[in-house]
Amino acid sequence: ARRTTGAGSDGGVMKIAVEGCCHGELDKIYAAMRHLEQREGIKIDLLICCGDFQAVRNIDDLECMSVPNKYKQLGTFHKYYSGETTAPYPTLFIGGNHEASNYLWELYYGGFVCPNVYYLGHSGVINFGDLRVGGLSGIYKSGDYKRGQHERPPYRDGQVKSAYHVREFDVKKLKSVTEPLDVFLSHDWPKNVARYGDVQSLTRKKPFLKSEIEDSSLGSPPGEDLLQTLQPTYWFSAHLHVKFAALVDHGNGRSTKFLALDKCLPKRDFMQIIDLPDKSANDGFWLDPEWLGILKANHCYHPIVETRNANARVADAADREKYRLWVDARLREKSDEKNKNRHPPFPFAPTAIPHAPSDRRRPGQGDAPSVVPRNPQTVSLMDLLDLDFKLDSNPRGNGGSVQTYPLPPRQGPFGTLVPRNLPPPPPTRDANEIDLPGDE
């Protein structure tokens, strides 16, 4: 782990730990942070993970993660989900291409996956103290970019992969953001960002990237578009399992510091501490009013049906402004005097039974969930914004009918249990998918 120090770091500075691919290694990542704090005599305010977080609650969730069975591991997240362990640092993450997609779909708009650990959503903006962070989950695949978000558990016929592919609708919503962003997160790199850094050093570490850099096929075209549109102060990524830094000059007096990091392994550059002068962590996570207005303005356009060309539409500036004013009034109405201008996210609420030591099933032996639970956090957000709930709509219908299943849910100690009436999806391989060396 390395440290980047900003001016005036002796005091009045927010310290964030940025980590590359998590791969379910929360215990090791938090241990590395504690070690750095003790060694350098500092206090870290926030951990940011740049994808492949793997919020796996139980063996069944593994059936919704795109990883060969021989490489599937339960990880340590389930301990934080169950309450056996508490996350020692506020943690923010985006999704990558190895996730329990069923769980993250419950929190499409963002939310706590366990106490103190916040998912930014498939796309989103959230505040942590004075820090404003935007992000886009997943990776870019051209064949799915314009499709509707039709994937639902148990993810058959390749959906376990396409579920994490970036969609045009989410990108267009993010391009609507006009207020400055301090940080932006993506799992894969923006297209052409490698050209702004030390290309020779990068290709020495990853020789197979050379041809992709030369022909501009490395990275995400929507990511490049967002980089040039949003121009955040920092942009953090992961995915390629290598540390790489670049400085993108936007030609208007603004620049973006880009940093990609490795995955959590010994002797790898998987973490960096960054000092942010004049930022305070006071008040922790709070909902972003501009983003809430964007969500409300675009809710009616959300393409959640099975179509290859959703022709994603988004609200115009006039509608966004109208709904921003509505959101501001709503937040004043719902907030107390203490947090009048900073409405916290809704509290964590479990929707599945966490892994128990008595469960002797191995990865690959789970039952893929067959329903989309209505996560109380998402329900509360829809109530706050006076919007209808869409995430369990039938993707083969017109978006207005709820999917039905052979067996009704039953009540358990953690809420509504998912009926186990469908087998796990068969293993599939996407012809457009490539395996990176060491990416398992």
Foldseek 3Di string as FASTA:
>chain_A
DAEDEDPPLVDQWAKEKEFEAALQALVLVVVVVVVVCVVVVDDHAEYEYQANNALAFALQLLLLFQDPLVPDDRHDNNCQAVVVDPRPHQYEYEYEQGYSLLLLLLQQCKDASGPRHIYQHCWHWKDQFPAIETEHFYFADPQQAQWAQAAHPVQADPRSRSNRHHYPQRLVLLLPDDDAHQEYHHAFAAFLQCVQFDVVVVCVVVVVCVVCNVVRVGTDPSNVVSCLRRLHQEYEYENQQAWTWGWADNPPPGIYIYIYAHYDDPPGGGMYMYIGHNGDRPPTMFHDLLSLLQCLQAVVQRRNAGDSHSVGDGHDPVSSVVSSVVSLVLLCVPDDPVCNPTHHQDDAADDENGYDPVPPDGNVPHQHFDFRDNGPSNVVSCVSSVHDDQSQANNHDPSPHGDDDDDDWDADPRGTYGDRDDHRYDDDDDPVDDDRVVRD
